[in-house]
Amino acid sequence: MRLDKFLKVSRLIKRRTLAKEVCDQRRVSINGQPAKASANVAIGDELTIRFGQKTVTARIEHLQETSRKEEAANMYTLLSEERSSDAGVKG
């Protein structure tokens, strides 16, 4: 499954176009490697996504073409969610 589609179906990112933009900005990595929106993901891969001052790391548990809101959270395990310590600091 494509990375951008997984991010949308799992609801880690709300829209596929936004998922593509985040990937194009090199803010998503798979197993520590920067990933394009078209990269394939597999069960067991670790995703790291940077949203503003927040970094989320999740492991893929299931791949589904579609999911209901209640099922989406079962597609991944949240490993960590961190806030950047330099938030609001200008250099």
N, C-alpha and C. Protein backbone atom coordinates (compact mmCIF):
# COMPACT_ATOMS: atom_id res chain seq x y z
N MET A 1 0.85 -1.18 0.00
CA MET A 1 0.00 0.00 0.00
C MET A 1 0.90 1.24 0.00
N ARG A 2 0.47 2.27 -0.74
CA ARG A 2 1.22 3.52 -0.78
C ARG A 2 1.17 4.22 0.58
N LEU A 3 2.25 4.91 0.91
CA LEU A 3 2.34 5.62 2.17
C LEU A 3 1.23 6.65 2.33
N ASP A 4 0.99 7.48 1.32
CA ASP A 4 -0.04 8.51 1.44
C ASP A 4 -1.43 7.92 1.68
N LYS A 5 -1.71 6.80 1.03
CA LYS A 5 -3.01 6.14 1.23
C LYS A 5 -3.10 5.57 2.65
N PHE A 6 -2.02 4.94 3.14
CA PHE A 6 -2.04 4.41 4.50
C PHE A 6 -2.30 5.53 5.52
N LEU A 7 -1.61 6.66 5.36
CA LEU A 7 -1.77 7.76 6.30
C LEU A 7 -3.22 8.25 6.33
N LYS A 8 -3.88 8.27 5.17
CA LYS A 8 -5.28 8.70 5.11
C LYS A 8 -6.22 7.65 5.69
N VAL A 9 -6.07 6.39 5.24
CA VAL A 9 -6.98 5.32 5.69
C VAL A 9 -6.85 5.10 7.21
N SER A 10 -5.64 5.21 7.73
CA SER A 10 -5.43 5.01 9.17
C SER A 10 -5.82 6.25 9.98
N ARG A 11 -6.09 7.33 9.27
CA ARG A 11 -6.47 8.61 9.88
C ARG A 11 -5.35 9.24 10.70
N LEU A 12 -4.10 8.86 10.42
CA LEU A 12 -2.98 9.58 11.01
C LEU A 12 -2.93 10.99 10.41
N ILE A 13 -3.32 11.10 9.14
CA ILE A 13 -3.48 12.39 8.46
C ILE A 13 -4.86 12.35 7.80
N LYS A 14 -5.62 13.42 7.92
CA LYS A 14 -7.02 13.42 7.51
C LYS A 14 -7.25 13.26 6.00
N ARG A 15 -6.44 13.92 5.17
CA ARG A 15 -6.68 13.87 3.73
C ARG A 15 -5.46 13.36 2.99
N ARG A 16 -5.68 12.67 1.88
CA ARG A 16 -4.58 12.10 1.10
C ARG A 16 -3.71 13.20 0.49
N THR A 17 -4.32 14.29 0.04
CA THR A 17 -3.53 15.38 -0.54
C THR A 17 -2.62 15.99 0.52
N LEU A 18 -3.10 16.11 1.74
CA LEU A 18 -2.27 16.63 2.83
C LEU A 18 -1.15 15.64 3.16
N ALA A 19 -1.46 14.35 3.13
CA ALA A 19 -0.44 13.32 3.38
C ALA A 19 0.67 13.42 2.33
N LYS A 20 0.29 13.65 1.07
CA LYS A 20 1.28 13.79 0.00
C LYS A 20 2.15 15.02 0.23
N GLU A 21 1.54 16.14 0.61
CA GLU A 21 2.30 17.37 0.88
C GLU A 21 3.30 17.16 2.02
N VAL A 22 2.87 16.51 3.08
CA VAL A 22 3.75 16.25 4.23
C VAL A 22 4.93 15.38 3.79
N CYS A 23 4.68 14.38 2.96
CA CYS A 23 5.75 13.51 2.45
C CYS A 23 6.69 14.31 1.55
N ASP A 24 6.13 15.16 0.68
CA ASP A 24 6.95 15.98 -0.22
C ASP A 24 7.86 16.93 0.55
N GLN A 25 7.44 17.33 1.74
CA GLN A 25 8.24 18.22 2.59
C GLN A 25 9.25 17.43 3.43
N ARG A 26 9.36 16.13 3.16
CA ARG A 26 10.31 15.24 3.83
C ARG A 26 10.11 15.21 5.35
N ARG A 27 8.84 15.22 5.78
CA ARG A 27 8.53 15.16 7.20
C ARG A 27 8.04 13.79 7.63
N VAL A 28 8.11 12.80 6.71
CA VAL A 28 7.70 11.43 7.03
C VAL A 28 8.86 10.50 6.71
N SER A 29 9.15 9.58 7.62
CA SER A 29 10.18 8.58 7.35
C SER A 29 9.64 7.19 7.67
N ILE A 30 10.14 6.21 6.92
CA ILE A 30 9.80 4.81 7.14
C ILE A 30 11.07 4.12 7.59
N ASN A 31 11.05 3.53 8.78
CA ASN A 31 12.21 2.84 9.35
C ASN A 31 13.46 3.72 9.31
N GLY A 32 13.28 5.03 9.60
CA GLY A 32 14.40 5.95 9.69
C GLY A 32 14.84 6.56 8.36
N GLN A 33 14.22 6.18 7.26
CA GLN A 33 14.59 6.72 5.94
C GLN A 33 13.49 7.65 5.43
N PRO A 34 13.87 8.86 4.96
CA PRO A 34 12.84 9.76 4.40
C PRO A 34 12.06 9.04 3.32
N ALA A 35 10.74 9.28 3.27
CA ALA A 35 9.89 8.52 2.35
C ALA A 35 9.04 9.44 1.49
N LYS A 36 8.87 9.05 0.24
CA LYS A 36 7.98 9.75 -0.67
C LYS A 36 6.57 9.21 -0.47
N ALA A 37 5.58 9.97 -0.96
CA ALA A 37 4.18 9.57 -0.84
C ALA A 37 3.93 8.24 -1.53
N SER A 38 4.69 7.95 -2.60
CA SER A 38 4.48 6.73 -3.38
C SER A 38 5.19 5.51 -2.80
N ALA A 39 5.95 5.69 -1.71
CA ALA A 39 6.67 4.55 -1.11
C ALA A 39 5.68 3.51 -0.61
N ASN A 40 6.05 2.25 -0.73
CA ASN A 40 5.20 1.17 -0.23
C ASN A 40 5.49 0.93 1.25
N VAL A 41 4.42 0.71 2.01
CA VAL A 41 4.57 0.39 3.42
C VAL A 41 4.15 -1.06 3.63
N ALA A 42 4.67 -1.66 4.69
CA ALA A 42 4.37 -3.05 5.02
C ALA A 42 4.12 -3.17 6.51
N ILE A 43 3.47 -4.24 6.91
CA ILE A 43 3.24 -4.51 8.32
C ILE A 43 4.59 -4.60 9.02
N GLY A 44 4.70 -3.93 10.17
CA GLY A 44 5.94 -3.93 10.93
C GLY A 44 6.80 -2.69 10.69
N ASP A 45 6.53 -1.93 9.62
CA ASP A 45 7.29 -0.71 9.36
C ASP A 45 7.00 0.32 10.46
N GLU A 46 8.03 1.12 10.80
CA GLU A 46 7.86 2.21 11.75
C GLU A 46 7.82 3.52 10.99
N LEU A 47 6.77 4.28 11.21
CA LEU A 47 6.61 5.59 10.58
C LEU A 47 6.91 6.68 11.60
N THR A 48 7.64 7.70 11.18
CA THR A 48 7.86 8.87 12.01
C THR A 48 7.34 10.06 11.21
N ILE A 49 6.43 10.82 11.82
CA ILE A 49 5.78 11.94 11.15
C ILE A 49 5.97 13.19 12.00
N ARG A 50 6.46 14.26 11.38
CA ARG A 50 6.63 15.53 12.08
C ARG A 50 5.49 16.47 11.70
N PHE A 51 4.69 16.87 12.70
CA PHE A 51 3.60 17.84 12.54
C PHE A 51 3.98 19.08 13.34
N GLY A 52 4.41 20.14 12.73
CA GLY A 52 4.73 21.36 13.48
C GLY A 52 5.72 21.07 14.59
N GLN A 53 5.29 21.25 15.84
CA GLN A 53 6.17 20.98 16.99
C GLN A 53 5.97 19.59 17.58
N LYS A 54 5.26 18.72 16.87
CA LYS A 54 5.00 17.38 17.39
C LYS A 54 5.59 16.32 16.46
N THR A 55 6.17 15.29 17.04
CA THR A 55 6.68 14.15 16.27
C THR A 55 5.99 12.89 16.77
N VAL A 56 5.39 12.15 15.83
CA VAL A 56 4.65 10.93 16.17
C VAL A 56 5.37 9.74 15.53
N THR A 57 5.58 8.68 16.30
CA THR A 57 6.16 7.45 15.79
C THR A 57 5.14 6.34 15.99
N ALA A 58 4.87 5.59 14.91
CA ALA A 58 3.88 4.52 14.97
C ALA A 58 4.37 3.31 14.18
N ARG A 59 3.94 2.11 14.61
CA ARG A 59 4.28 0.87 13.89
C ARG A 59 3.02 0.38 13.20
N ILE A 60 3.16 0.00 11.93
CA ILE A 60 2.03 -0.48 11.15
C ILE A 60 1.68 -1.90 11.59
N GLU A 61 0.40 -2.11 11.93
CA GLU A 61 -0.08 -3.42 12.38
C GLU A 61 -0.94 -4.12 11.34
N HIS A 62 -1.77 -3.35 10.61
CA HIS A 62 -2.67 -3.91 9.59
C HIS A 62 -2.70 -2.99 8.38
N LEU A 63 -2.93 -3.59 7.22
CA LEU A 63 -3.13 -2.81 6.00
C LEU A 63 -4.53 -3.11 5.49
N GLN A 64 -5.33 -2.06 5.30
CA GLN A 64 -6.69 -2.20 4.79
C GLN A 64 -6.91 -1.13 3.73
N GLU A 65 -7.67 -1.45 2.70
CA GLU A 65 -7.95 -0.47 1.65
C GLU A 65 -8.88 0.64 2.14
N THR A 66 -9.79 0.28 3.03
CA THR A 66 -10.70 1.27 3.64
C THR A 66 -10.87 0.89 5.11
N SER A 67 -11.31 1.87 5.89
CA SER A 67 -11.60 1.56 7.29
C SER A 67 -12.60 2.56 7.83
N ARG A 68 -13.40 2.10 8.78
CA ARG A 68 -14.30 2.99 9.49
C ARG A 68 -13.49 3.68 10.59
N LYS A 69 -14.02 4.76 11.09
CA LYS A 69 -13.32 5.53 12.11
C LYS A 69 -12.92 4.66 13.30
N GLU A 70 -13.80 3.75 13.70
CA GLU A 70 -13.53 2.89 14.86
C GLU A 70 -12.39 1.90 14.58
N GLU A 71 -12.22 1.51 13.32
CA GLU A 71 -11.20 0.53 12.95
C GLU A 71 -9.84 1.15 12.68
N ALA A 72 -9.81 2.44 12.36
CA ALA A 72 -8.59 3.09 11.91
C ALA A 72 -7.45 2.98 12.93
N ALA A 73 -7.74 3.15 14.19
CA ALA A 73 -6.71 3.11 15.23
C ALA A 73 -6.08 1.72 15.38
N ASN A 74 -6.77 0.68 14.90
CA ASN A 74 -6.22 -0.68 14.97
C ASN A 74 -5.18 -0.94 13.89
N MET A 75 -5.04 -0.02 12.94
CA MET A 75 -4.09 -0.22 11.85
C MET A 75 -2.65 0.06 12.27
N TYR A 76 -2.47 0.72 13.42
CA TYR A 76 -1.12 1.07 13.88
C TYR A 76 -1.06 1.06 15.39
N THR A 77 0.17 0.97 15.91
CA THR A 77 0.42 1.11 17.34
C THR A 77 1.23 2.37 17.53
N LEU A 78 0.75 3.28 18.36
CA LEU A 78 1.47 4.51 18.64
C LEU A 78 2.64 4.20 19.56
N LEU A 79 3.86 4.42 19.08
CA LEU A 79 5.06 4.12 19.88
C LEU A 79 5.50 5.32 20.71
N SER A 80 5.41 6.52 20.13
CA SER A 80 5.74 7.73 20.90
C SER A 80 5.10 8.94 20.26
N GLU A 81 4.91 9.96 21.09
CA GLU A 81 4.38 11.23 20.65
C GLU A 81 5.11 12.30 21.46
N GLU A 82 5.96 13.07 20.80
CA GLU A 82 6.81 14.03 21.50
C GLU A 82 6.58 15.43 20.98
N ARG A 83 6.70 16.39 21.88
CA ARG A 83 6.66 17.79 21.50
C ARG A 83 8.09 18.31 21.44
N SER A 84 8.39 19.15 20.44
CA SER A 84 9.74 19.72 20.32
C SER A 84 9.98 20.67 21.48
N SER A 85 11.17 20.60 22.06
CA SER A 85 11.50 21.43 23.21
C SER A 85 11.80 22.87 22.82
N ASP A 86 12.09 23.12 21.52
CA ASP A 86 12.41 24.46 21.08
C ASP A 86 11.22 25.23 20.53
N ALA A 87 10.02 24.79 20.89
CA ALA A 87 8.80 25.45 20.42
C ALA A 87 8.77 26.90 20.90
N GLY A 88 8.56 27.82 20.00
CA GLY A 88 8.47 29.22 20.36
C GLY A 88 9.80 29.93 20.51
N VAL A 89 10.91 29.23 20.36
CA VAL A 89 12.23 29.84 20.48
C VAL A 89 12.70 30.26 19.10
N LYS A 90 13.09 31.51 18.98
CA LYS A 90 13.59 31.99 17.67
C LYS A 90 15.10 32.21 17.77
N GLY A 91 15.79 31.81 16.70
CA GLY A 91 17.25 31.89 16.74
C GLY A 91 17.74 32.94 15.92
